[in-house]
Every structure is written in C-alpha cells, then in structure tokens.
Amino acid sequence: MIPQSAEILKKTKEAAKKTQLAVVKQMLTLTTNGFGLVAALAWNNVILEFVNSYIKKYLTYGSGIISLLIYAILITILAVTVTLNISKIVERLEKKEG
C-alpha cells in the first residue's frame, strides 16, 4: 500500500469507530428516555390514585381543581427531588473522574 492509502484507511476506520460510538450512545439515550417515560407514567398513576383515594374524600364535592392542584404539587415535588438527587450523583461521579 502506498502511504496515502494507509492514512486514508486509518482515518476511515477512526471515523467508523466514532460513528459506531455515537450510534450506541444515541441508542442508550433513547432507551433510557423510554424507560424513564414508562416509570413516570407508572408514578403518575400511583400519585393520582393516592390523591383520589386519600385526599379527595376530605374535599367538598366539585372541588376537582383542588385535587388537581394537590396532584400537580406532588408531581412537582417528586420531579424536583429526583432531579436534584441525580444531579448530585453525577456531580460526585465527575469529581471522582477528574
């Protein structure tokens, strides 16, 4: 092989490896997001059932907006708590690598 061909082949292999890694990373991201959505929907049902079973009975009839507000507040608290905890974990892991 002539030197130019070897260099082109080397660059092509490197580009193929980068592309393969990018595809695998994207698949991981999509899979993680898919499972995250399923988990969020499951928690959505649990919290909604909790509000309907335990909180709504203490509210007056026709107070659907209040139960929805309580539900939204619970979801927001859960989302913020989980996000903050995961962010702290990522921060700790990044410090260990650096």
PDB file of N, CA and C in Angstrom:
ATOM      1  N   MET A   1       0.835  -1.185   0.000  1.00  0.00           N
ATOM      2  CA  MET A   1       0.000   0.000   0.000  1.00  0.00           C
ATOM      3  C   MET A   1       0.878   1.246   0.000  1.00  0.00           C
ATOM      4  N   ILE A   2       0.414   2.216  -0.680  1.00  0.00           N
ATOM      5  CA  ILE A   2       1.143   3.476  -0.655  1.00  0.00           C
ATOM      6  C   ILE A   2       0.776   4.245   0.606  1.00  0.00           C
ATOM      7  N   PRO A   3       1.642   5.090   1.105  1.00  0.00           N
ATOM      8  CA  PRO A   3       1.412   5.790   2.380  1.00  0.00           C
ATOM      9  C   PRO A   3       0.100   6.571   2.425  1.00  0.00           C
ATOM     10  N   GLN A   4      -0.292   7.181   1.326  1.00  0.00           N
ATOM     11  CA  GLN A   4      -1.533   7.955   1.326  1.00  0.00           C
ATOM     12  C   GLN A   4      -2.737   7.044   1.544  1.00  0.00           C
ATOM     13  N   SER A   5      -2.738   5.878   0.948  1.00  0.00           N
ATOM     14  CA  SER A   5      -3.843   4.932   1.107  1.00  0.00           C
ATOM     15  C   SER A   5      -3.945   4.445   2.543  1.00  0.00           C
ATOM     16  N   ALA A   6      -2.822   4.199   3.173  1.00  0.00           N
ATOM     17  CA  ALA A   6      -2.817   3.746   4.562  1.00  0.00           C
ATOM     18  C   ALA A   6      -3.384   4.825   5.480  1.00  0.00           C
ATOM     19  N   GLU A   7      -3.033   6.072   5.215  1.00  0.00           N
ATOM     20  CA  GLU A   7      -3.538   7.185   6.015  1.00  0.00           C
ATOM     21  C   GLU A   7      -5.044   7.346   5.827  1.00  0.00           C
ATOM     22  N   ILE A   8      -5.502   7.212   4.595  1.00  0.00           N
ATOM     23  CA  ILE A   8      -6.945   7.319   4.311  1.00  0.00           C
ATOM     24  C   ILE A   8      -7.696   6.180   4.990  1.00  0.00           C
ATOM     25  N   LEU A   9      -7.146   4.977   4.930  1.00  0.00           N
ATOM     26  CA  LEU A   9      -7.767   3.820   5.575  1.00  0.00           C
ATOM     27  C   LEU A   9      -7.831   4.012   7.087  1.00  0.00           C
ATOM     28  N   LYS A  10      -6.761   4.540   7.668  1.00  0.00           N
ATOM     29  CA  LYS A  10      -6.723   4.786   9.109  1.00  0.00           C
ATOM     30  C   LYS A  10      -7.791   5.811   9.508  1.00  0.00           C
ATOM     31  N   LYS A  11      -7.905   6.894   8.749  1.00  0.00           N
ATOM     32  CA  LYS A  11      -8.903   7.925   9.043  1.00  0.00           C
ATOM     33  C   LYS A  11     -10.322   7.387   8.869  1.00  0.00           C
ATOM     34  N   THR A  12     -10.517   6.531   7.891  1.00  0.00           N
ATOM     35  CA  THR A  12     -11.841   5.939   7.657  1.00  0.00           C
ATOM     36  C   THR A  12     -12.226   5.033   8.818  1.00  0.00           C
ATOM     37  N   LYS A  13     -11.277   4.237   9.303  1.00  0.00           N
ATOM     38  CA  LYS A  13     -11.546   3.359  10.446  1.00  0.00           C
ATOM     39  C   LYS A  13     -11.862   4.171  11.692  1.00  0.00           C
ATOM     40  N   GLU A  14     -11.119   5.246  11.918  1.00  0.00           N
ATOM     41  CA  GLU A  14     -11.382   6.106  13.071  1.00  0.00           C
ATOM     42  C   GLU A  14     -12.772   6.738  12.979  1.00  0.00           C
ATOM     43  N   ALA A  15     -13.131   7.188  11.787  1.00  0.00           N
ATOM     44  CA  ALA A  15     -14.454   7.787  11.585  1.00  0.00           C
ATOM     45  C   ALA A  15     -15.554   6.750  11.807  1.00  0.00           C
ATOM     46  N   ALA A  16     -15.315   5.523  11.371  1.00  0.00           N
ATOM     47  CA  ALA A  16     -16.304   4.456  11.569  1.00  0.00           C
ATOM     48  C   ALA A  16     -16.480   4.145  13.053  1.00  0.00           C
ATOM     49  N   LYS A  17     -15.375   4.138  13.804  1.00  0.00           N
ATOM     50  CA  LYS A  17     -15.459   3.894  15.246  1.00  0.00           C
ATOM     51  C   LYS A  17     -16.227   5.010  15.946  1.00  0.00           C
ATOM     52  N   LYS A  18     -15.970   6.256  15.553  1.00  0.00           N
ATOM     53  CA  LYS A  18     -16.678   7.395  16.141  1.00  0.00           C
ATOM     54  C   LYS A  18     -18.174   7.321  15.829  1.00  0.00           C
ATOM     55  N   THR A  19     -18.490   6.947  14.610  1.00  0.00           N
ATOM     56  CA  THR A  19     -19.898   6.829  14.214  1.00  0.00           C
ATOM     57  C   THR A  19     -20.576   5.715  15.000  1.00  0.00           C
ATOM     58  N   GLN A  20     -19.895   4.586  15.130  1.00  0.00           N
ATOM     59  CA  GLN A  20     -20.448   3.465  15.890  1.00  0.00           C
ATOM     60  C   GLN A  20     -20.695   3.866  17.342  1.00  0.00           C
ATOM     61  N   LEU A  21     -19.741   4.572  17.945  1.00  0.00           N
ATOM     62  CA  LEU A  21     -19.894   5.031  19.322  1.00  0.00           C
ATOM     63  C   LEU A  21     -21.059   6.011  19.442  1.00  0.00           C
ATOM     64  N   ALA A  22     -21.191   6.908  18.481  1.00  0.00           N
ATOM     65  CA  ALA A  22     -22.290   7.872  18.508  1.00  0.00           C
ATOM     66  C   ALA A  22     -23.641   7.169  18.399  1.00  0.00           C
ATOM     67  N   VAL A  23     -23.716   6.144  17.567  1.00  0.00           N
ATOM     68  CA  VAL A  23     -24.968   5.392  17.411  1.00  0.00           C
ATOM     69  C   VAL A  23     -25.316   4.668  18.709  1.00  0.00           C
ATOM     70  N   VAL A  24     -24.336   4.042  19.326  1.00  0.00           N
ATOM     71  CA  VAL A  24     -24.578   3.318  20.582  1.00  0.00           C
ATOM     72  C   VAL A  24     -24.997   4.294  21.686  1.00  0.00           C
ATOM     73  N   LYS A  25     -24.337   5.457  21.765  1.00  0.00           N
ATOM     74  CA  LYS A  25     -24.717   6.463  22.758  1.00  0.00           C
ATOM     75  C   LYS A  25     -26.153   6.939  22.531  1.00  0.00           C
ATOM     76  N   GLN A  26     -26.508   7.153  21.277  1.00  0.00           N
ATOM     77  CA  GLN A  26     -27.866   7.593  20.965  1.00  0.00           C
ATOM     78  C   GLN A  26     -28.887   6.517  21.327  1.00  0.00           C
ATOM     79  N   MET A  27     -28.561   5.263  21.054  1.00  0.00           N
ATOM     80  CA  MET A  27     -29.465   4.162  21.423  1.00  0.00           C
ATOM     81  C   MET A  27     -29.637   4.095  22.934  1.00  0.00           C
ATOM     82  N   LEU A  28     -28.548   4.297  23.670  1.00  0.00           N
ATOM     83  CA  LEU A  28     -28.619   4.302  25.128  1.00  0.00           C
ATOM     84  C   LEU A  28     -29.509   5.438  25.616  1.00  0.00           C
ATOM     85  N   THR A  29     -29.345   6.610  25.030  1.00  0.00           N
ATOM     86  CA  THR A  29     -30.164   7.759  25.411  1.00  0.00           C
ATOM     87  C   THR A  29     -31.640   7.502  25.132  1.00  0.00           C
ATOM     88  N   LEU A  30     -31.941   6.977  23.968  1.00  0.00           N
ATOM     89  CA  LEU A  30     -33.338   6.702  23.614  1.00  0.00           C
ATOM     90  C   LEU A  30     -33.944   5.637  24.520  1.00  0.00           C
ATOM     91  N   THR A  31     -33.182   4.599  24.813  1.00  0.00           N
ATOM     92  CA  THR A  31     -33.669   3.532  25.682  1.00  0.00           C
ATOM     93  C   THR A  31     -33.914   4.055  27.095  1.00  0.00           C
ATOM     94  N   THR A  32     -32.972   4.824  27.600  1.00  0.00           N
ATOM     95  CA  THR A  32     -33.118   5.394  28.935  1.00  0.00           C
ATOM     96  C   THR A  32     -34.332   6.311  29.003  1.00  0.00           C
ATOM     97  N   ASN A  33     -34.500   7.151  28.000  1.00  0.00           N
ATOM     98  CA  ASN A  33     -35.662   8.039  27.971  1.00  0.00           C
ATOM     99  C   ASN A  33     -36.969   7.260  27.883  1.00  0.00           C
ATOM    100  N   GLY A  34     -36.977   6.181  27.121  1.00  0.00           N
ATOM    101  CA  GLY A  34     -38.177   5.351  27.010  1.00  0.00           C
ATOM    102  C   GLY A  34     -38.565   4.734  28.347  1.00  0.00           C
ATOM    103  N   PHE A  35     -37.578   4.166  29.026  1.00  0.00           N
ATOM    104  CA  PHE A  35     -37.860   3.584  30.341  1.00  0.00           C
ATOM    105  C   PHE A  35     -38.226   4.663  31.356  1.00  0.00           C
ATOM    106  N   GLY A  36     -37.609   5.826  31.228  1.00  0.00           N
ATOM    107  CA  GLY A  36     -37.958   6.943  32.105  1.00  0.00           C
ATOM    108  C   GLY A  36     -39.403   7.368  31.929  1.00  0.00           C
ATOM    109  N   LEU A  37     -39.869   7.386  30.695  1.00  0.00           N
ATOM    110  CA  LEU A  37     -41.265   7.724  30.420  1.00  0.00           C
ATOM    111  C   LEU A  37     -42.205   6.688  31.023  1.00  0.00           C
ATOM    112  N   VAL A  38     -41.885   5.421  30.880  1.00  0.00           N
ATOM    113  CA  VAL A  38     -42.715   4.359  31.449  1.00  0.00           C
ATOM    114  C   VAL A  38     -42.768   4.484  32.970  1.00  0.00           C
ATOM    115  N   ALA A  39     -41.621   4.737  33.581  1.00  0.00           N
ATOM    116  CA  ALA A  39     -41.588   4.901  35.042  1.00  0.00           C
ATOM    117  C   ALA A  39     -42.390   6.126  35.466  1.00  0.00           C
ATOM    118  N   ALA A  40     -42.274   7.213  34.722  1.00  0.00           N
ATOM    119  CA  ALA A  40     -43.024   8.426  35.046  1.00  0.00           C
ATOM    120  C   ALA A  40     -44.525   8.190  34.943  1.00  0.00           C
ATOM    121  N   LEU A  41     -44.940   7.459  33.941  1.00  0.00           N
ATOM    122  CA  LEU A  41     -46.373   7.152  33.795  1.00  0.00           C
ATOM    123  C   LEU A  41     -46.859   6.255  34.931  1.00  0.00           C
ATOM    124  N   ALA A  42     -46.018   5.333  35.362  1.00  0.00           N
ATOM    125  CA  ALA A  42     -46.395   4.473  36.482  1.00  0.00           C
ATOM    126  C   ALA A  42     -46.556   5.302  37.756  1.00  0.00           C
ATOM    127  N   TRP A  43     -45.603   6.182  38.032  1.00  0.00           N
ATOM    128  CA  TRP A  43     -45.699   7.048  39.201  1.00  0.00           C
ATOM    129  C   TRP A  43     -46.885   8.004  39.074  1.00  0.00           C
ATOM    130  N   ASN A  44     -47.158   8.438  37.869  1.00  0.00           N
ATOM    131  CA  ASN A  44     -48.317   9.288  37.623  1.00  0.00           C
ATOM    132  C   ASN A  44     -49.587   8.601  38.110  1.00  0.00           C
ATOM    133  N   ASN A  45     -49.737   7.344  37.753  1.00  0.00           N
ATOM    134  CA  ASN A  45     -50.922   6.589  38.171  1.00  0.00           C
ATOM    135  C   ASN A  45     -50.970   6.396  39.685  1.00  0.00           C
ATOM    136  N   VAL A  46     -49.826   6.117  40.297  1.00  0.00           N
ATOM    137  CA  VAL A  46     -49.783   5.914  41.745  1.00  0.00           C
ATOM    138  C   VAL A  46     -50.192   7.190  42.482  1.00  0.00           C
ATOM    139  N   ILE A  47     -49.611   8.300  42.086  1.00  0.00           N
ATOM    140  CA  ILE A  47     -49.919   9.563  42.766  1.00  0.00           C
ATOM    141  C   ILE A  47     -51.362   9.974  42.521  1.00  0.00           C
ATOM    142  N   LEU A  48     -51.845   9.790  41.312  1.00  0.00           N
ATOM    143  CA  LEU A  48     -53.240  10.121  41.006  1.00  0.00           C
ATOM    144  C   LEU A  48     -54.192   9.271  41.839  1.00  0.00           C
ATOM    145  N   GLU A  49     -53.901   7.993  41.959  1.00  0.00           N
ATOM    146  CA  GLU A  49     -54.741   7.108  42.773  1.00  0.00           C
ATOM    147  C   GLU A  49     -54.678   7.504  44.250  1.00  0.00           C
ATOM    148  N   PHE A  50     -53.500   7.877  44.725  1.00  0.00           N
ATOM    149  CA  PHE A  50     -53.348   8.335  46.109  1.00  0.00           C
ATOM    150  C   PHE A  50     -54.213   9.570  46.363  1.00  0.00           C
ATOM    151  N   VAL A  51     -54.155  10.528  45.461  1.00  0.00           N
ATOM    152  CA  VAL A  51     -54.969  11.746  45.621  1.00  0.00           C
ATOM    153  C   VAL A  51     -56.448  11.396  45.596  1.00  0.00           C
ATOM    154  N   ASN A  52     -56.844  10.565  44.659  1.00  0.00           N
ATOM    155  CA  ASN A  52     -58.265  10.200  44.553  1.00  0.00           C
ATOM    156  C   ASN A  52     -58.748   9.383  45.752  1.00  0.00           C
ATOM    157  N   SER A  53     -57.910   8.500  46.273  1.00  0.00           N
ATOM    158  CA  SER A  53     -58.331   7.613  47.357  1.00  0.00           C
ATOM    159  C   SER A  53     -58.249   8.248  48.741  1.00  0.00           C
ATOM    160  N   TYR A  54     -57.220   9.045  48.992  1.00  0.00           N
ATOM    161  CA  TYR A  54     -56.978   9.511  50.357  1.00  0.00           C
ATOM    162  C   TYR A  54     -57.208  11.008  50.576  1.00  0.00           C
ATOM    163  N   ILE A  55     -57.070  11.799  49.553  1.00  0.00           N
ATOM    164  CA  ILE A  55     -57.191  13.244  49.734  1.00  0.00           C
ATOM    165  C   ILE A  55     -58.541  13.764  49.260  1.00  0.00           C
ATOM    166  N   LYS A  56     -58.996  13.262  48.133  1.00  0.00           N
ATOM    167  CA  LYS A  56     -60.225  13.782  47.533  1.00  0.00           C
ATOM    168  C   LYS A  56     -61.443  13.601  48.447  1.00  0.00           C
ATOM    169  N   LYS A  57     -61.455  12.553  49.264  1.00  0.00           N
ATOM    170  CA  LYS A  57     -62.608  12.311  50.124  1.00  0.00           C
ATOM    171  C   LYS A  57     -62.747  13.366  51.218  1.00  0.00           C
ATOM    172  N   TYR A  58     -61.673  14.088  51.515  1.00  0.00           N
ATOM    173  CA  TYR A  58     -61.735  15.150  52.515  1.00  0.00           C
ATOM    174  C   TYR A  58     -62.133  16.506  51.916  1.00  0.00           C
ATOM    175  N   LEU A  59     -62.208  16.559  50.611  1.00  0.00           N
ATOM    176  CA  LEU A  59     -62.580  17.797  49.941  1.00  0.00           C
ATOM    177  C   LEU A  59     -64.065  17.785  49.620  1.00  0.00           C
ATOM    178  N   THR A  60     -64.629  18.952  49.483  1.00  0.00           N
ATOM    179  CA  THR A  60     -66.062  19.032  49.172  1.00  0.00           C
ATOM    180  C   THR A  60     -66.316  18.588  47.740  1.00  0.00           C
ATOM    181  N   TYR A  61     -67.562  18.228  47.468  1.00  0.00           N
ATOM    182  CA  TYR A  61     -67.942  17.798  46.125  1.00  0.00           C
ATOM    183  C   TYR A  61     -67.732  18.948  45.140  1.00  0.00           C
ATOM    184  N   GLY A  62     -67.222  18.625  43.986  1.00  0.00           N
ATOM    185  CA  GLY A  62     -66.991  19.637  42.955  1.00  0.00           C
ATOM    186  C   GLY A  62     -65.668  20.358  43.109  1.00  0.00           C
ATOM    187  N   SER A  63     -64.798  19.848  43.947  1.00  0.00           N
ATOM    188  CA  SER A  63     -63.500  20.506  44.153  1.00  0.00           C
ATOM    189  C   SER A  63     -62.409  19.821  43.340  1.00  0.00           C
ATOM    190  N   GLY A  64     -62.750  19.497  42.104  1.00  0.00           N
ATOM    191  CA  GLY A  64     -61.791  18.803  41.234  1.00  0.00           C
ATOM    192  C   GLY A  64     -60.527  19.601  41.005  1.00  0.00           C
ATOM    193  N   ILE A  65     -60.664  20.917  40.921  1.00  0.00           N
ATOM    194  CA  ILE A  65     -59.485  21.743  40.675  1.00  0.00           C
ATOM    195  C   ILE A  65     -58.517  21.685  41.849  1.00  0.00           C
ATOM    196  N   ILE A  66     -59.045  21.568  43.061  1.00  0.00           N
ATOM    197  CA  ILE A  66     -58.174  21.491  44.239  1.00  0.00           C
ATOM    198  C   ILE A  66     -57.404  20.175  44.236  1.00  0.00           C
ATOM    199  N   SER A  67     -58.091  19.076  43.918  1.00  0.00           N
ATOM    200  CA  SER A  67     -57.383  17.791  43.880  1.00  0.00           C
ATOM    201  C   SER A  67     -56.351  17.771  42.752  1.00  0.00           C
ATOM    202  N   LEU A  68     -56.649  18.411  41.629  1.00  0.00           N
ATOM    203  CA  LEU A  68     -55.667  18.503  40.548  1.00  0.00           C
ATOM    204  C   LEU A  68     -54.466  19.354  40.968  1.00  0.00           C
ATOM    205  N   LEU A  69     -54.717  20.410  41.724  1.00  0.00           N
ATOM    206  CA  LEU A  69     -53.638  21.255  42.216  1.00  0.00           C
ATOM    207  C   LEU A  69     -52.747  20.473  43.183  1.00  0.00           C
ATOM    208  N   ILE A  70     -53.360  19.724  44.082  1.00  0.00           N
ATOM    209  CA  ILE A  70     -52.582  18.888  45.017  1.00  0.00           C
ATOM    210  C   ILE A  70     -51.754  17.875  44.242  1.00  0.00           C
ATOM    211  N   TYR A  71     -52.356  17.271  43.248  1.00  0.00           N
ATOM    212  CA  TYR A  71     -51.676  16.300  42.395  1.00  0.00           C
ATOM    213  C   TYR A  71     -50.477  16.953  41.688  1.00  0.00           C
ATOM    214  N   ALA A  72     -50.679  18.138  41.129  1.00  0.00           N
ATOM    215  CA  ALA A  72     -49.601  18.836  40.417  1.00  0.00           C
ATOM    216  C   ALA A  72     -48.462  19.195  41.375  1.00  0.00           C
ATOM    217  N   ILE A  73     -48.814  19.600  42.581  1.00  0.00           N
ATOM    218  CA  ILE A  73     -47.785  19.945  43.571  1.00  0.00           C
ATOM    219  C   ILE A  73     -46.971  18.707  43.946  1.00  0.00           C
ATOM    220  N   LEU A  74     -47.650  17.576  44.162  1.00  0.00           N
ATOM    221  CA  LEU A  74     -46.936  16.339  44.496  1.00  0.00           C
ATOM    222  C   LEU A  74     -45.992  15.912  43.366  1.00  0.00           C
ATOM    223  N   ILE A  75     -46.465  15.998  42.138  1.00  0.00           N
ATOM    224  CA  ILE A  75     -45.637  15.629  40.981  1.00  0.00           C
ATOM    225  C   ILE A  75     -44.420  16.550  40.892  1.00  0.00           C
ATOM    226  N   THR A  76     -44.640  17.840  41.103  1.00  0.00           N
ATOM    227  CA  THR A  76     -43.539  18.803  41.024  1.00  0.00           C
ATOM    228  C   THR A  76     -42.501  18.541  42.107  1.00  0.00           C
ATOM    229  N   ILE A  77     -42.946  18.285  43.327  1.00  0.00           N
ATOM    230  CA  ILE A  77     -42.015  17.981  44.417  1.00  0.00           C
ATOM    231  C   ILE A  77     -41.215  16.727  44.098  1.00  0.00           C
ATOM    232  N   LEU A  78     -41.882  15.690  43.602  1.00  0.00           N
ATOM    233  CA  LEU A  78     -41.192  14.452  43.247  1.00  0.00           C
ATOM    234  C   LEU A  78     -40.169  14.694  42.137  1.00  0.00           C
ATOM    235  N   ALA A  79     -40.556  15.425  41.098  1.00  0.00           N
ATOM    236  CA  ALA A  79     -39.651  15.680  39.973  1.00  0.00           C
ATOM    237  C   ALA A  79     -38.425  16.481  40.403  1.00  0.00           C
ATOM    238  N   VAL A  80     -38.639  17.497  41.211  1.00  0.00           N
ATOM    239  CA  VAL A  80     -37.524  18.325  41.667  1.00  0.00           C
ATOM    240  C   VAL A  80     -36.589  17.514  42.564  1.00  0.00           C
ATOM    241  N   THR A  81     -37.143  16.738  43.471  1.00  0.00           N
ATOM    242  CA  THR A  81     -36.332  15.934  44.381  1.00  0.00           C
ATOM    243  C   THR A  81     -35.481  14.922  43.617  1.00  0.00           C
ATOM    244  N   VAL A  82     -36.094  14.204  42.701  1.00  0.00           N
ATOM    245  CA  VAL A  82     -35.357  13.202  41.922  1.00  0.00           C
ATOM    246  C   VAL A  82     -34.282  13.870  41.072  1.00  0.00           C
ATOM    247  N   THR A  83     -34.616  14.975  40.424  1.00  0.00           N
ATOM    248  CA  THR A  83     -33.653  15.671  39.576  1.00  0.00           C
ATOM    249  C   THR A  83     -32.465  16.178  40.377  1.00  0.00           C
ATOM    250  N   LEU A  84     -32.727  16.766  41.536  1.00  0.00           N
ATOM    251  CA  LEU A  84     -31.628  17.257  42.376  1.00  0.00           C
ATOM    252  C   LEU A  84     -30.731  16.120  42.847  1.00  0.00           C
ATOM    253  N   ASN A  85     -31.327  15.016  43.255  1.00  0.00           N
ATOM    254  CA  ASN A  85     -30.523  13.877  43.726  1.00  0.00           C
ATOM    255  C   ASN A  85     -29.675  13.279  42.609  1.00  0.00           C
ATOM    256  N   ILE A  86     -30.245  13.150  41.432  1.00  0.00           N
ATOM    257  CA  ILE A  86     -29.477  12.611  40.302  1.00  0.00           C
ATOM    258  C   ILE A  86     -28.361  13.576  39.920  1.00  0.00           C
ATOM    259  N   SER A  87     -28.630  14.869  39.967  1.00  0.00           N
ATOM    260  CA  SER A  87     -27.594  15.867  39.658  1.00  0.00           C
ATOM    261  C   SER A  87     -26.435  15.774  40.642  1.00  0.00           C
ATOM    262  N   LYS A  88     -26.737  15.561  41.922  1.00  0.00           N
ATOM    263  CA  LYS A  88     -25.684  15.413  42.925  1.00  0.00           C
ATOM    264  C   LYS A  88     -24.846  14.167  42.668  1.00  0.00           C
ATOM    265  N   ILE A  89     -25.499  13.082  42.266  1.00  0.00           N
ATOM    266  CA  ILE A  89     -24.773  11.846  41.958  1.00  0.00           C
ATOM    267  C   ILE A  89     -23.836  12.069  40.784  1.00  0.00           C
ATOM    268  N   VAL A  90     -24.324  12.714  39.732  1.00  0.00           N
ATOM    269  CA  VAL A  90     -23.499  12.983  38.550  1.00  0.00           C
ATOM    270  C   VAL A  90     -22.318  13.873  38.935  1.00  0.00           C
ATOM    271  N   GLU A  91     -22.575  14.869  39.759  1.00  0.00           N
ATOM    272  CA  GLU A  91     -21.510  15.773  40.208  1.00  0.00           C
ATOM    273  C   GLU A  91     -20.422  15.002  40.960  1.00  0.00           C
ATOM    274  N   ARG A  92     -20.824  14.102  41.857  1.00  0.00           N
ATOM    275  CA  ARG A  92     -19.861  13.302  42.607  1.00  0.00           C
ATOM    276  C   ARG A  92     -19.047  12.399  41.685  1.00  0.00           C
ATOM    277  N   LEU A  93     -19.720  11.790  40.720  1.00  0.00           N
ATOM    278  CA  LEU A  93     -19.016  10.913  39.786  1.00  0.00           C
ATOM    279  C   LEU A  93     -18.033  11.691  38.923  1.00  0.00           C
ATOM    280  N   GLU A  94     -18.403  12.897  38.536  1.00  0.00           N
ATOM    281  CA  GLU A  94     -17.496  13.714  37.723  1.00  0.00           C
ATOM    282  C   GLU A  94     -16.267  14.135  38.529  1.00  0.00           C
ATOM    283  N   LYS A  95     -16.448  14.393  39.838  1.00  0.00           N
ATOM    284  CA  LYS A  95     -15.320  14.749  40.684  1.00  0.00           C
ATOM    285  C   LYS A  95     -14.357  13.566  40.826  1.00  0.00           C
ATOM    286  N   LYS A  96     -14.911  12.346  40.904  1.00  0.00           N
ATOM    287  CA  LYS A  96     -14.065  11.158  41.038  1.00  0.00           C
ATOM    288  C   LYS A  96     -13.230  10.944  39.788  1.00  0.00           C
ATOM    289  N   GLU A  97     -13.812  11.237  38.605  1.00  0.00           N
ATOM    290  CA  GLU A  97     -13.087  11.057  37.356  1.00  0.00           C
ATOM    291  C   GLU A  97     -11.988  12.100  37.177  1.00  0.00           C
ATOM    292  N   GLY A  98     -12.252  13.322  37.658  1.00  0.00           N
ATOM    293  CA  GLY A  98     -11.318  14.444  37.454  1.00  0.00           C
ATOM    294  C   GLY A  98     -10.223  14.499  38.385  1.00  0.00           C
TER     295      GLY A  98
END
